[in-house]
Amino acid sequence: MFVVNENDLEYRFGDSGPKYLMKGPRMNFAVVAFQPGQDFQAHYHNIMEENFYIIEGKVDVIVDGKVSTLEKGEFIHIEPGEIHYLKNAYDAPVKMVSCLAPFQEVDKVNVDNPVY
């Protein structure tokens, strides 16, 4: 067992991106934030499935070209191999939870950002 306080950790890009509360051994668990206008490069995972749960704000999640606009309380599941891209095209920050499993040390494959 272990306990982590989100406030003791930092987002990957200062005020945005993932903040991992746990990486492995069986899954990754992160809090993710995007400021208005920010996005995260399109990518897919070979083995890991990824889930997002929106805590606050609104975000566009594009999966294999299909745009889903998610708001507080909504959840999306992304299968391995599905190309996904996230963008905060709105005027308020978004904060969400991300879970990836099963854990793989390296499993993310970046692709060119789609236009939508």
PDB file of N, CA and C in Angstrom:
ATOM      1  N   MET A   1       0.827  -1.184   0.000  1.00  0.00           N
ATOM      2  CA  MET A   1       0.000   0.000   0.000  1.00  0.00           C
ATOM      3  C   MET A   1       0.873   1.250   0.000  1.00  0.00           C
ATOM      4  N   PHE A   2       0.365   2.302  -0.621  1.00  0.00           N
ATOM      5  CA  PHE A   2       1.007   3.606  -0.523  1.00  0.00           C
ATOM      6  C   PHE A   2      -0.041   4.688  -0.724  1.00  0.00           C
ATOM      7  N   VAL A   3       0.262   5.880  -0.258  1.00  0.00           N
ATOM      8  CA  VAL A   3      -0.631   7.022  -0.373  1.00  0.00           C
ATOM      9  C   VAL A   3       0.135   8.151  -1.041  1.00  0.00           C
ATOM     10  N   VAL A   4      -0.493   8.812  -2.001  1.00  0.00           N
ATOM     11  CA  VAL A   4       0.125   9.925  -2.720  1.00  0.00           C
ATOM     12  C   VAL A   4      -0.841  11.108  -2.677  1.00  0.00           C
ATOM     13  N   ASN A   5      -0.318  12.294  -2.494  1.00  0.00           N
ATOM     14  CA  ASN A   5      -1.130  13.503  -2.560  1.00  0.00           C
ATOM     15  C   ASN A   5      -0.829  14.201  -3.878  1.00  0.00           C
ATOM     16  N   GLU A   6      -1.852  14.424  -4.663  1.00  0.00           N
ATOM     17  CA  GLU A   6      -1.698  15.075  -5.964  1.00  0.00           C
ATOM     18  C   GLU A   6      -0.935  16.394  -5.853  1.00  0.00           C
ATOM     19  N   ASN A   7      -1.134  17.134  -4.783  1.00  0.00           N
ATOM     20  CA  ASN A   7      -0.496  18.440  -4.616  1.00  0.00           C
ATOM     21  C   ASN A   7       1.021  18.362  -4.467  1.00  0.00           C
ATOM     22  N   ASP A   8       1.553  17.171  -4.197  1.00  0.00           N
ATOM     23  CA  ASP A   8       2.998  16.989  -4.060  1.00  0.00           C
ATOM     24  C   ASP A   8       3.685  16.713  -5.395  1.00  0.00           C
ATOM     25  N   LEU A   9       2.911  16.588  -6.461  1.00  0.00           N
ATOM     26  CA  LEU A   9       3.447  16.232  -7.776  1.00  0.00           C
ATOM     27  C   LEU A   9       3.200  17.363  -8.766  1.00  0.00           C
ATOM     28  N   GLU A  10       3.897  17.307  -9.915  1.00  0.00           N
ATOM     29  CA  GLU A  10       3.766  18.355 -10.923  1.00  0.00           C
ATOM     30  C   GLU A  10       3.301  17.777 -12.250  1.00  0.00           C
ATOM     31  N   TYR A  11       2.595  18.624 -13.008  1.00  0.00           N
ATOM     32  CA  TYR A  11       2.197  18.248 -14.360  1.00  0.00           C
ATOM     33  C   TYR A  11       3.436  18.207 -15.242  1.00  0.00           C
ATOM     34  N   ARG A  12       3.429  17.374 -16.246  1.00  0.00           N
ATOM     35  CA  ARG A  12       4.573  17.200 -17.139  1.00  0.00           C
ATOM     36  C   ARG A  12       5.012  18.510 -17.799  1.00  0.00           C
ATOM     37  N   PHE A  13       4.055  19.355 -18.164  1.00  0.00           N
ATOM     38  CA  PHE A  13       4.381  20.584 -18.888  1.00  0.00           C
ATOM     39  C   PHE A  13       4.128  21.832 -18.044  1.00  0.00           C
ATOM     40  N   GLY A  14       4.361  21.759 -16.769  1.00  0.00           N
ATOM     41  CA  GLY A  14       4.174  22.906 -15.888  1.00  0.00           C
ATOM     42  C   GLY A  14       2.740  23.058 -15.427  1.00  0.00           C
ATOM     43  N   ASP A  15       1.869  23.630 -16.283  1.00  0.00           N
ATOM     44  CA  ASP A  15       0.471  23.819 -15.912  1.00  0.00           C
ATOM     45  C   ASP A  15      -0.463  22.864 -16.641  1.00  0.00           C
ATOM     46  N   SER A  16       0.116  21.891 -17.346  1.00  0.00           N
ATOM     47  CA  SER A  16      -0.728  20.990 -18.130  1.00  0.00           C
ATOM     48  C   SER A  16      -0.046  19.652 -18.372  1.00  0.00           C
ATOM     49  N   GLY A  17      -0.816  18.763 -19.012  1.00  0.00           N
ATOM     50  CA  GLY A  17      -0.326  17.425 -19.299  1.00  0.00           C
ATOM     51  C   GLY A  17      -0.638  16.479 -18.154  1.00  0.00           C
ATOM     52  N   PRO A  18      -0.061  15.286 -18.181  1.00  0.00           N
ATOM     53  CA  PRO A  18      -0.330  14.316 -17.122  1.00  0.00           C
ATOM     54  C   PRO A  18       0.495  14.589 -15.864  1.00  0.00           C
ATOM     55  N   LYS A  19      -0.089  14.220 -14.756  1.00  0.00           N
ATOM     56  CA  LYS A  19       0.584  14.217 -13.454  1.00  0.00           C
ATOM     57  C   LYS A  19       0.368  12.799 -12.915  1.00  0.00           C
ATOM     58  N   TYR A  20       1.397  11.958 -13.024  1.00  0.00           N
ATOM     59  CA  TYR A  20       1.246  10.549 -12.660  1.00  0.00           C
ATOM     60  C   TYR A  20       1.284  10.351 -11.156  1.00  0.00           C
ATOM     61  N   LEU A  21       0.201   9.799 -10.621  1.00  0.00           N
ATOM     62  CA  LEU A  21       0.159   9.433  -9.217  1.00  0.00           C
ATOM     63  C   LEU A  21       0.707   8.017  -9.039  1.00  0.00           C
ATOM     64  N   MET A  22       0.665   7.238 -10.129  1.00  0.00           N
ATOM     65  CA  MET A  22       1.198   5.873 -10.102  1.00  0.00           C
ATOM     66  C   MET A  22       1.579   5.471 -11.524  1.00  0.00           C
ATOM     67  N   LYS A  23       2.764   4.877 -11.677  1.00  0.00           N
ATOM     68  CA  LYS A  23       3.202   4.302 -12.953  1.00  0.00           C
ATOM     69  C   LYS A  23       3.612   2.867 -12.673  1.00  0.00           C
ATOM     70  N   GLY A  24       2.767   1.922 -13.075  1.00  0.00           N
ATOM     71  CA  GLY A  24       3.037   0.516 -12.845  1.00  0.00           C
ATOM     72  C   GLY A  24       2.811   0.135 -11.395  1.00  0.00           C
ATOM     73  N   PRO A  25       2.947  -1.114 -11.052  1.00  0.00           N
ATOM     74  CA  PRO A  25       3.403  -2.197 -11.914  1.00  0.00           C
ATOM     75  C   PRO A  25       2.317  -2.820 -12.789  1.00  0.00           C
ATOM     76  N   ARG A  26       1.027  -2.513 -12.509  1.00  0.00           N
ATOM     77  CA  ARG A  26      -0.036  -3.108 -13.317  1.00  0.00           C
ATOM     78  C   ARG A  26      -0.809  -2.092 -14.141  1.00  0.00           C
ATOM     79  N   MET A  27      -0.735  -0.813 -13.765  1.00  0.00           N
ATOM     80  CA  MET A  27      -1.456   0.231 -14.495  1.00  0.00           C
ATOM     81  C   MET A  27      -0.821   1.586 -14.212  1.00  0.00           C
ATOM     82  N   ASN A  28      -1.164   2.573 -15.035  1.00  0.00           N
ATOM     83  CA  ASN A  28      -0.803   3.974 -14.789  1.00  0.00           C
ATOM     84  C   ASN A  28      -2.066   4.697 -14.360  1.00  0.00           C
ATOM     85  N   PHE A  29      -1.905   5.642 -13.420  1.00  0.00           N
ATOM     86  CA  PHE A  29      -3.022   6.459 -12.960  1.00  0.00           C
ATOM     87  C   PHE A  29      -2.536   7.894 -12.899  1.00  0.00           C
ATOM     88  N   ALA A  30      -3.229   8.804 -13.588  1.00  0.00           N
ATOM     89  CA  ALA A  30      -2.775  10.186 -13.653  1.00  0.00           C
ATOM     90  C   ALA A  30      -3.944  11.156 -13.592  1.00  0.00           C
ATOM     91  N   VAL A  31      -3.639  12.360 -13.131  1.00  0.00           N
ATOM     92  CA  VAL A  31      -4.526  13.501 -13.272  1.00  0.00           C
ATOM     93  C   VAL A  31      -3.968  14.286 -14.453  1.00  0.00           C
ATOM     94  N   VAL A  32      -4.842  14.698 -15.372  1.00  0.00           N
ATOM     95  CA  VAL A  32      -4.411  15.396 -16.576  1.00  0.00           C
ATOM     96  C   VAL A  32      -5.118  16.745 -16.641  1.00  0.00           C
ATOM     97  N   ALA A  33      -4.362  17.792 -16.978  1.00  0.00           N
ATOM     98  CA  ALA A  33      -4.948  19.127 -17.120  1.00  0.00           C
ATOM     99  C   ALA A  33      -4.536  19.731 -18.459  1.00  0.00           C
ATOM    100  N   PHE A  34      -5.458  20.469 -19.061  1.00  0.00           N
ATOM    101  CA  PHE A  34      -5.171  21.247 -20.261  1.00  0.00           C
ATOM    102  C   PHE A  34      -5.780  22.625 -20.087  1.00  0.00           C
ATOM    103  N   GLN A  35      -4.994  23.642 -20.359  1.00  0.00           N
ATOM    104  CA  GLN A  35      -5.476  25.017 -20.343  1.00  0.00           C
ATOM    105  C   GLN A  35      -6.185  25.289 -21.672  1.00  0.00           C
ATOM    106  N   PRO A  36      -6.990  26.352 -21.738  1.00  0.00           N
ATOM    107  CA  PRO A  36      -7.662  26.676 -23.007  1.00  0.00           C
ATOM    108  C   PRO A  36      -6.666  26.750 -24.166  1.00  0.00           C
ATOM    109  N   GLY A  37      -7.014  26.080 -25.271  1.00  0.00           N
ATOM    110  CA  GLY A  37      -6.182  26.075 -26.464  1.00  0.00           C
ATOM    111  C   GLY A  37      -5.105  24.997 -26.500  1.00  0.00           C
ATOM    112  N   GLN A  38      -4.845  24.332 -25.374  1.00  0.00           N
ATOM    113  CA  GLN A  38      -3.800  23.306 -25.346  1.00  0.00           C
ATOM    114  C   GLN A  38      -4.330  21.971 -25.849  1.00  0.00           C
ATOM    115  N   ASP A  39      -3.389  21.141 -26.324  1.00  0.00           N
ATOM    116  CA  ASP A  39      -3.747  19.819 -26.804  1.00  0.00           C
ATOM    117  C   ASP A  39      -2.649  18.834 -26.438  1.00  0.00           C
ATOM    118  N   PHE A  40      -2.853  17.583 -26.820  1.00  0.00           N
ATOM    119  CA  PHE A  40      -1.883  16.519 -26.583  1.00  0.00           C
ATOM    120  C   PHE A  40      -1.765  15.742 -27.874  1.00  0.00           C
ATOM    121  N   GLN A  41      -0.561  15.512 -28.323  1.00  0.00           N
ATOM    122  CA  GLN A  41      -0.298  14.892 -29.626  1.00  0.00           C
ATOM    123  C   GLN A  41      -1.064  13.583 -29.820  1.00  0.00           C
ATOM    124  N   ALA A  42      -1.540  13.406 -31.038  1.00  0.00           N
ATOM    125  CA  ALA A  42      -2.231  12.172 -31.405  1.00  0.00           C
ATOM    126  C   ALA A  42      -1.278  10.995 -31.228  1.00  0.00           C
ATOM    127  N   HIS A  43      -1.828   9.908 -30.693  1.00  0.00           N
ATOM    128  CA  HIS A  43      -1.018   8.715 -30.449  1.00  0.00           C
ATOM    129  C   HIS A  43      -1.943   7.505 -30.277  1.00  0.00           C
ATOM    130  N   TYR A  44      -1.327   6.355 -30.203  1.00  0.00           N
ATOM    131  CA  TYR A  44      -2.060   5.139 -29.866  1.00  0.00           C
ATOM    132  C   TYR A  44      -1.153   4.268 -29.024  1.00  0.00           C
ATOM    133  N   HIS A  45      -1.750   3.255 -28.427  1.00  0.00           N
ATOM    134  CA  HIS A  45      -1.010   2.298 -27.619  1.00  0.00           C
ATOM    135  C   HIS A  45      -1.202   0.920 -28.238  1.00  0.00           C
ATOM    136  N   ASN A  46      -0.141   0.147 -28.274  1.00  0.00           N
ATOM    137  CA  ASN A  46      -0.227  -1.207 -28.827  1.00  0.00           C
ATOM    138  C   ASN A  46      -0.928  -2.176 -27.885  1.00  0.00           C
ATOM    139  N   ILE A  47      -0.695  -2.035 -26.595  1.00  0.00           N
ATOM    140  CA  ILE A  47      -1.203  -3.000 -25.614  1.00  0.00           C
ATOM    141  C   ILE A  47      -2.139  -2.355 -24.603  1.00  0.00           C
ATOM    142  N   MET A  48      -1.804  -1.155 -24.143  1.00  0.00           N
ATOM    143  CA  MET A  48      -2.588  -0.533 -23.077  1.00  0.00           C
ATOM    144  C   MET A  48      -3.895   0.054 -23.603  1.00  0.00           C
ATOM    145  N   GLU A  49      -4.953  -0.101 -22.822  1.00  0.00           N
ATOM    146  CA  GLU A  49      -6.196   0.618 -23.056  1.00  0.00           C
ATOM    147  C   GLU A  49      -6.138   1.863 -22.189  1.00  0.00           C
ATOM    148  N   GLU A  50      -6.820   2.934 -22.618  1.00  0.00           N
ATOM    149  CA  GLU A  50      -6.775   4.185 -21.869  1.00  0.00           C
ATOM    150  C   GLU A  50      -8.191   4.679 -21.604  1.00  0.00           C
ATOM    151  N   ASN A  51      -8.385   5.187 -20.401  1.00  0.00           N
ATOM    152  CA  ASN A  51      -9.680   5.698 -19.981  1.00  0.00           C
ATOM    153  C   ASN A  51      -9.505   7.111 -19.449  1.00  0.00           C
ATOM    154  N   PHE A  52     -10.480   7.972 -19.749  1.00  0.00           N
ATOM    155  CA  PHE A  52     -10.496   9.331 -19.220  1.00  0.00           C
ATOM    156  C   PHE A  52     -11.835   9.577 -18.541  1.00  0.00           C
ATOM    157  N   TYR A  53     -11.781  10.210 -17.376  1.00  0.00           N
ATOM    158  CA  TYR A  53     -12.979  10.634 -16.661  1.00  0.00           C
ATOM    159  C   TYR A  53     -12.828  12.128 -16.402  1.00  0.00           C
ATOM    160  N   ILE A  54     -13.792  12.919 -16.844  1.00  0.00           N
ATOM    161  CA  ILE A  54     -13.698  14.370 -16.756  1.00  0.00           C
ATOM    162  C   ILE A  54     -14.161  14.840 -15.375  1.00  0.00           C
ATOM    163  N   ILE A  55     -13.259  15.551 -14.684  1.00  0.00           N
ATOM    164  CA  ILE A  55     -13.546  16.079 -13.355  1.00  0.00           C
ATOM    165  C   ILE A  55     -14.124  17.493 -13.448  1.00  0.00           C
ATOM    166  N   GLU A  56     -13.543  18.303 -14.332  1.00  0.00           N
ATOM    167  CA  GLU A  56     -14.044  19.664 -14.533  1.00  0.00           C
ATOM    168  C   GLU A  56     -13.693  20.140 -15.936  1.00  0.00           C
ATOM    169  N   GLY A  57     -14.512  21.048 -16.459  1.00  0.00           N
ATOM    170  CA  GLY A  57     -14.259  21.606 -17.781  1.00  0.00           C
ATOM    171  C   GLY A  57     -14.851  20.772 -18.898  1.00  0.00           C
ATOM    172  N   LYS A  58     -14.344  21.035 -20.097  1.00  0.00           N
ATOM    173  CA  LYS A  58     -14.836  20.389 -21.321  1.00  0.00           C
ATOM    174  C   LYS A  58     -13.638  20.159 -22.228  1.00  0.00           C
ATOM    175  N   VAL A  59     -13.604  19.023 -22.943  1.00  0.00           N
ATOM    176  CA  VAL A  59     -12.484  18.688 -23.806  1.00  0.00           C
ATOM    177  C   VAL A  59     -12.991  17.887 -25.002  1.00  0.00           C
ATOM    178  N   ASP A  60     -12.351  18.095 -26.152  1.00  0.00           N
ATOM    179  CA  ASP A  60     -12.626  17.271 -27.330  1.00  0.00           C
ATOM    180  C   ASP A  60     -11.654  16.108 -27.325  1.00  0.00           C
ATOM    181  N   VAL A  61     -12.201  14.903 -27.433  1.00  0.00           N
ATOM    182  CA  VAL A  61     -11.386  13.695 -27.557  1.00  0.00           C
ATOM    183  C   VAL A  61     -11.700  13.112 -28.928  1.00  0.00           C
ATOM    184  N   ILE A  62     -10.682  13.053 -29.772  1.00  0.00           N
ATOM    185  CA  ILE A  62     -10.859  12.545 -31.125  1.00  0.00           C
ATOM    186  C   ILE A  62     -10.260  11.148 -31.167  1.00  0.00           C
ATOM    187  N   VAL A  63     -11.089  10.155 -31.482  1.00  0.00           N
ATOM    188  CA  VAL A  63     -10.664   8.762 -31.545  1.00  0.00           C
ATOM    189  C   VAL A  63     -10.930   8.251 -32.947  1.00  0.00           C
ATOM    190  N   ASP A  64      -9.852   7.885 -33.646  1.00  0.00           N
ATOM    191  CA  ASP A  64      -9.958   7.410 -35.031  1.00  0.00           C
ATOM    192  C   ASP A  64     -10.819   8.350 -35.884  1.00  0.00           C
ATOM    193  N   GLY A  65     -10.630   9.658 -35.689  1.00  0.00           N
ATOM    194  CA  GLY A  65     -11.313  10.662 -36.483  1.00  0.00           C
ATOM    195  C   GLY A  65     -12.677  11.092 -35.984  1.00  0.00           C
ATOM    196  N   LYS A  66     -13.232  10.400 -34.990  1.00  0.00           N
ATOM    197  CA  LYS A  66     -14.550  10.752 -34.456  1.00  0.00           C
ATOM    198  C   LYS A  66     -14.375  11.663 -33.244  1.00  0.00           C
ATOM    199  N   VAL A  67     -15.002  12.846 -33.285  1.00  0.00           N
ATOM    200  CA  VAL A  67     -14.895  13.831 -32.213  1.00  0.00           C
ATOM    201  C   VAL A  67     -15.993  13.598 -31.176  1.00  0.00           C
ATOM    202  N   SER A  68     -15.572  13.470 -29.919  1.00  0.00           N
ATOM    203  CA  SER A  68     -16.511  13.417 -28.795  1.00  0.00           C
ATOM    204  C   SER A  68     -16.167  14.577 -27.875  1.00  0.00           C
ATOM    205  N   THR A  69     -17.133  15.421 -27.601  1.00  0.00           N
ATOM    206  CA  THR A  69     -16.929  16.520 -26.665  1.00  0.00           C
ATOM    207  C   THR A  69     -17.425  16.040 -25.306  1.00  0.00           C
ATOM    208  N   LEU A  70     -16.482  15.937 -24.366  1.00  0.00           N
ATOM    209  CA  LEU A  70     -16.796  15.406 -23.043  1.00  0.00           C
ATOM    210  C   LEU A  70     -16.796  16.517 -22.012  1.00  0.00           C
ATOM    211  N   GLU A  71     -17.722  16.415 -21.060  1.00  0.00           N
ATOM    212  CA  GLU A  71     -17.838  17.382 -19.980  1.00  0.00           C
ATOM    213  C   GLU A  71     -17.804  16.661 -18.639  1.00  0.00           C
ATOM    214  N   LYS A  72     -17.784  17.463 -17.569  1.00  0.00           N
ATOM    215  CA  LYS A  72     -17.738  16.942 -16.203  1.00  0.00           C
ATOM    216  C   LYS A  72     -18.684  15.763 -16.026  1.00  0.00           C
ATOM    217  N   GLY A  73     -18.144  14.685 -15.455  1.00  0.00           N
ATOM    218  CA  GLY A  73     -18.941  13.495 -15.180  1.00  0.00           C
ATOM    219  C   GLY A  73     -18.947  12.462 -16.287  1.00  0.00           C
ATOM    220  N   GLU A  74     -18.371  12.796 -17.450  1.00  0.00           N
ATOM    221  CA  GLU A  74     -18.368  11.842 -18.559  1.00  0.00           C
ATOM    222  C   GLU A  74     -17.071  11.049 -18.595  1.00  0.00           C
ATOM    223  N   PHE A  75     -17.157   9.873 -19.200  1.00  0.00           N
ATOM    224  CA  PHE A  75     -16.077   8.894 -19.238  1.00  0.00           C
ATOM    225  C   PHE A  75     -15.933   8.397 -20.670  1.00  0.00           C
ATOM    226  N   ILE A  76     -14.682   8.142 -21.085  1.00  0.00           N
ATOM    227  CA  ILE A  76     -14.447   7.539 -22.400  1.00  0.00           C
ATOM    228  C   ILE A  76     -13.411   6.433 -22.255  1.00  0.00           C
ATOM    229  N   HIS A  77     -13.643   5.329 -22.942  1.00  0.00           N
ATOM    230  CA  HIS A  77     -12.728   4.189 -22.976  1.00  0.00           C
ATOM    231  C   HIS A  77     -12.129   4.103 -24.374  1.00  0.00           C
ATOM    232  N   ILE A  78     -10.805   3.979 -24.460  1.00  0.00           N
ATOM    233  CA  ILE A  78     -10.100   3.911 -25.735  1.00  0.00           C
ATOM    234  C   ILE A  78      -9.329   2.597 -25.798  1.00  0.00           C
ATOM    235  N   GLU A  79      -9.597   1.821 -26.813  1.00  0.00           N
ATOM    236  CA  GLU A  79      -8.972   0.503 -26.988  1.00  0.00           C
ATOM    237  C   GLU A  79      -7.547   0.627 -27.527  1.00  0.00           C
ATOM    238  N   PRO A  80      -6.710  -0.389 -27.302  1.00  0.00           N
ATOM    239  CA  PRO A  80      -5.386  -0.403 -27.930  1.00  0.00           C
ATOM    240  C   PRO A  80      -5.538  -0.283 -29.451  1.00  0.00           C
ATOM    241  N   GLY A  81      -4.638   0.469 -30.076  1.00  0.00           N
ATOM    242  CA  GLY A  81      -4.659   0.639 -31.526  1.00  0.00           C
ATOM    243  C   GLY A  81      -5.505   1.803 -32.011  1.00  0.00           C
ATOM    244  N   GLU A  82      -6.396   2.338 -31.166  1.00  0.00           N
ATOM    245  CA  GLU A  82      -7.220   3.471 -31.579  1.00  0.00           C
ATOM    246  C   GLU A  82      -6.410   4.765 -31.423  1.00  0.00           C
ATOM    247  N   ILE A  83      -6.289   5.504 -32.516  1.00  0.00           N
ATOM    248  CA  ILE A  83      -5.538   6.765 -32.477  1.00  0.00           C
ATOM    249  C   ILE A  83      -6.402   7.802 -31.777  1.00  0.00           C
ATOM    250  N   HIS A  84      -5.819   8.435 -30.764  1.00  0.00           N
ATOM    251  CA  HIS A  84      -6.576   9.445 -30.024  1.00  0.00           C
ATOM    252  C   HIS A  84      -5.772  10.721 -29.820  1.00  0.00           C
ATOM    253  N   TYR A  85      -6.525  11.815 -29.789  1.00  0.00           N
ATOM    254  CA  TYR A  85      -5.997  13.169 -29.726  1.00  0.00           C
ATOM    255  C   TYR A  85      -6.926  13.970 -28.836  1.00  0.00           C
ATOM    256  N   LEU A  86      -6.372  14.769 -27.928  1.00  0.00           N
ATOM    257  CA  LEU A  86      -7.180  15.561 -27.015  1.00  0.00           C
ATOM    258  C   LEU A  86      -6.890  17.038 -27.215  1.00  0.00           C
ATOM    259  N   LYS A  87      -7.937  17.848 -27.195  1.00  0.00           N
ATOM    260  CA  LYS A  87      -7.762  19.293 -27.349  1.00  0.00           C
ATOM    261  C   LYS A  87      -8.785  20.026 -26.498  1.00  0.00           C
ATOM    262  N   ASN A  88      -8.291  21.022 -25.759  1.00  0.00           N
ATOM    263  CA  ASN A  88      -9.177  21.913 -25.034  1.00  0.00           C
ATOM    264  C   ASN A  88      -9.412  23.129 -25.921  1.00  0.00           C
ATOM    265  N   ALA A  89     -10.503  23.115 -26.660  1.00  0.00           N
ATOM    266  CA  ALA A  89     -10.842  24.202 -27.584  1.00  0.00           C
ATOM    267  C   ALA A  89     -11.771  25.214 -26.922  1.00  0.00           C
ATOM    268  N   TYR A  90     -11.828  25.191 -25.602  1.00  0.00           N
ATOM    269  CA  TYR A  90     -12.797  25.999 -24.874  1.00  0.00           C
ATOM    270  C   TYR A  90     -12.095  27.051 -24.013  1.00  0.00           C
ATOM    271  N   ASP A  91     -12.865  27.866 -23.312  1.00  0.00           N
ATOM    272  CA  ASP A  91     -12.283  29.005 -22.606  1.00  0.00           C
ATOM    273  C   ASP A  91     -12.015  28.758 -21.125  1.00  0.00           C
ATOM    274  N   ALA A  92     -12.066  27.513 -20.688  1.00  0.00           N
ATOM    275  CA  ALA A  92     -11.792  27.180 -19.290  1.00  0.00           C
ATOM    276  C   ALA A  92     -10.879  25.952 -19.228  1.00  0.00           C
ATOM    277  N   PRO A  93     -10.088  25.823 -18.177  1.00  0.00           N
ATOM    278  CA  PRO A  93      -9.234  24.637 -18.036  1.00  0.00           C
ATOM    279  C   PRO A  93     -10.073  23.364 -17.932  1.00  0.00           C
ATOM    280  N   VAL A  94      -9.479  22.256 -18.323  1.00  0.00           N
ATOM    281  CA  VAL A  94     -10.102  20.949 -18.141  1.00  0.00           C
ATOM    282  C   VAL A  94      -9.192  20.123 -17.246  1.00  0.00           C
ATOM    283  N   LYS A  95      -9.803  19.331 -16.381  1.00  0.00           N
ATOM    284  CA  LYS A  95      -9.058  18.421 -15.503  1.00  0.00           C
ATOM    285  C   LYS A  95      -9.743  17.070 -15.572  1.00  0.00           C
ATOM    286  N   MET A  96      -8.949  16.027 -15.754  1.00  0.00           N
ATOM    287  CA  MET A  96      -9.505  14.687 -15.890  1.00  0.00           C
ATOM    288  C   MET A  96      -8.584  13.645 -15.280  1.00  0.00           C
ATOM    289  N   VAL A  97      -9.128  12.476 -15.078  1.00  0.00           N
ATOM    290  CA  VAL A  97      -8.367  11.322 -14.603  1.00  0.00           C
ATOM    291  C   VAL A  97      -8.080  10.440 -15.802  1.00  0.00           C
ATOM    292  N   SER A  98      -6.856   9.899 -15.856  1.00  0.00           N
ATOM    293  CA  SER A  98      -6.464   8.963 -16.914  1.00  0.00           C
ATOM    294  C   SER A  98      -5.961   7.676 -16.271  1.00  0.00           C
ATOM    295  N   CYS A  99      -6.467   6.553 -16.761  1.00  0.00           N
ATOM    296  CA  CYS A  99      -5.998   5.237 -16.320  1.00  0.00           C
ATOM    297  C   CYS A  99      -5.594   4.451 -17.556  1.00  0.00           C
ATOM    298  N   LEU A 100      -4.406   3.866 -17.527  1.00  0.00           N
ATOM    299  CA  LEU A 100      -3.918   3.031 -18.618  1.00  0.00           C
ATOM    300  C   LEU A 100      -3.531   1.664 -18.065  1.00  0.00           C
ATOM    301  N   ALA A 101      -3.962   0.606 -18.748  1.00  0.00           N
ATOM    302  CA  ALA A 101      -3.622  -0.748 -18.299  1.00  0.00           C
ATOM    303  C   ALA A 101      -3.737  -1.708 -19.481  1.00  0.00           C
ATOM    304  N   PRO A 102      -3.040  -2.851 -19.452  1.00  0.00           N
ATOM    305  CA  PRO A 102      -2.038  -3.229 -18.465  1.00  0.00           C
ATOM    306  C   PRO A 102      -0.755  -2.416 -18.660  1.00  0.00           C
ATOM    307  N   PHE A 103      -0.038  -2.214 -17.597  1.00  0.00           N
ATOM    308  CA  PHE A 103       1.160  -1.387 -17.623  1.00  0.00           C
ATOM    309  C   PHE A 103       2.192  -1.920 -18.613  1.00  0.00           C
ATOM    310  N   GLN A 104       2.731  -0.984 -19.391  1.00  0.00           N
ATOM    311  CA  GLN A 104       3.860  -1.255 -20.284  1.00  0.00           C
ATOM    312  C   GLN A 104       4.825  -0.091 -20.111  1.00  0.00           C
ATOM    313  N   GLU A 105       6.093  -0.368 -19.994  1.00  0.00           N
ATOM    314  CA  GLU A 105       7.080   0.700 -19.821  1.00  0.00           C
ATOM    315  C   GLU A 105       7.074   1.645 -21.023  1.00  0.00           C
ATOM    316  N   VAL A 106       7.021   1.075 -22.226  1.00  0.00           N
ATOM    317  CA  VAL A 106       6.965   1.870 -23.458  1.00  0.00           C
ATOM    318  C   VAL A 106       5.876   1.271 -24.337  1.00  0.00           C
ATOM    319  N   ASP A 107       4.825   2.066 -24.618  1.00  0.00           N
ATOM    320  CA  ASP A 107       3.721   1.544 -25.414  1.00  0.00           C
ATOM    321  C   ASP A 107       3.039   2.634 -26.238  1.00  0.00           C
ATOM    322  N   LYS A 108       3.491   3.878 -26.138  1.00  0.00           N
ATOM    323  CA  LYS A 108       2.860   4.993 -26.841  1.00  0.00           C
ATOM    324  C   LYS A 108       3.551   5.212 -28.186  1.00  0.00           C
ATOM    325  N   VAL A 109       2.749   5.319 -29.250  1.00  0.00           N
ATOM    326  CA  VAL A 109       3.256   5.564 -30.585  1.00  0.00           C
ATOM    327  C   VAL A 109       2.636   6.872 -31.069  1.00  0.00           C
ATOM    328  N   ASN A 110       3.447   7.918 -31.240  1.00  0.00           N
ATOM    329  CA  ASN A 110       2.954   9.209 -31.721  1.00  0.00           C
ATOM    330  C   ASN A 110       2.675   9.179 -33.219  1.00  0.00           C
ATOM    331  N   VAL A 111       1.638   9.896 -33.622  1.00  0.00           N
ATOM    332  CA  VAL A 111       1.291  10.061 -35.035  1.00  0.00           C
ATOM    333  C   VAL A 111       1.049  11.541 -35.281  1.00  0.00           C
ATOM    334  N   ASP A 112       1.012  11.948 -36.553  1.00  0.00           N
ATOM    335  CA  ASP A 112       0.731  13.354 -36.869  1.00  0.00           C
ATOM    336  C   ASP A 112      -0.629  13.743 -36.314  1.00  0.00           C
ATOM    337  N   ASN A 113      -0.697  14.971 -35.781  1.00  0.00           N
ATOM    338  CA  ASN A 113      -1.977  15.459 -35.239  1.00  0.00           C
ATOM    339  C   ASN A 113      -3.018  15.568 -36.344  1.00  0.00           C
ATOM    340  N   PRO A 114      -4.199  15.035 -36.085  1.00  0.00           N
ATOM    341  CA  PRO A 114      -5.250  15.154 -37.084  1.00  0.00           C
ATOM    342  C   PRO A 114      -5.818  16.573 -37.093  1.00  0.00           C
ATOM    343  N   VAL A 115      -6.402  16.941 -38.204  1.00  0.00           N
ATOM    344  CA  VAL A 115      -7.079  18.227 -38.311  1.00  0.00           C
ATOM    345  C   VAL A 115      -8.570  17.945 -38.172  1.00  0.00           C
ATOM    346  N   TYR A 116      -9.225  18.718 -37.363  1.00  0.00           N
ATOM    347  CA  TYR A 116     -10.679  18.543 -37.225  1.00  0.00           C
ATOM    348  C   TYR A 116     -11.355  19.865 -37.051  1.00  0.00           C
TER     349      TYR A 116
END
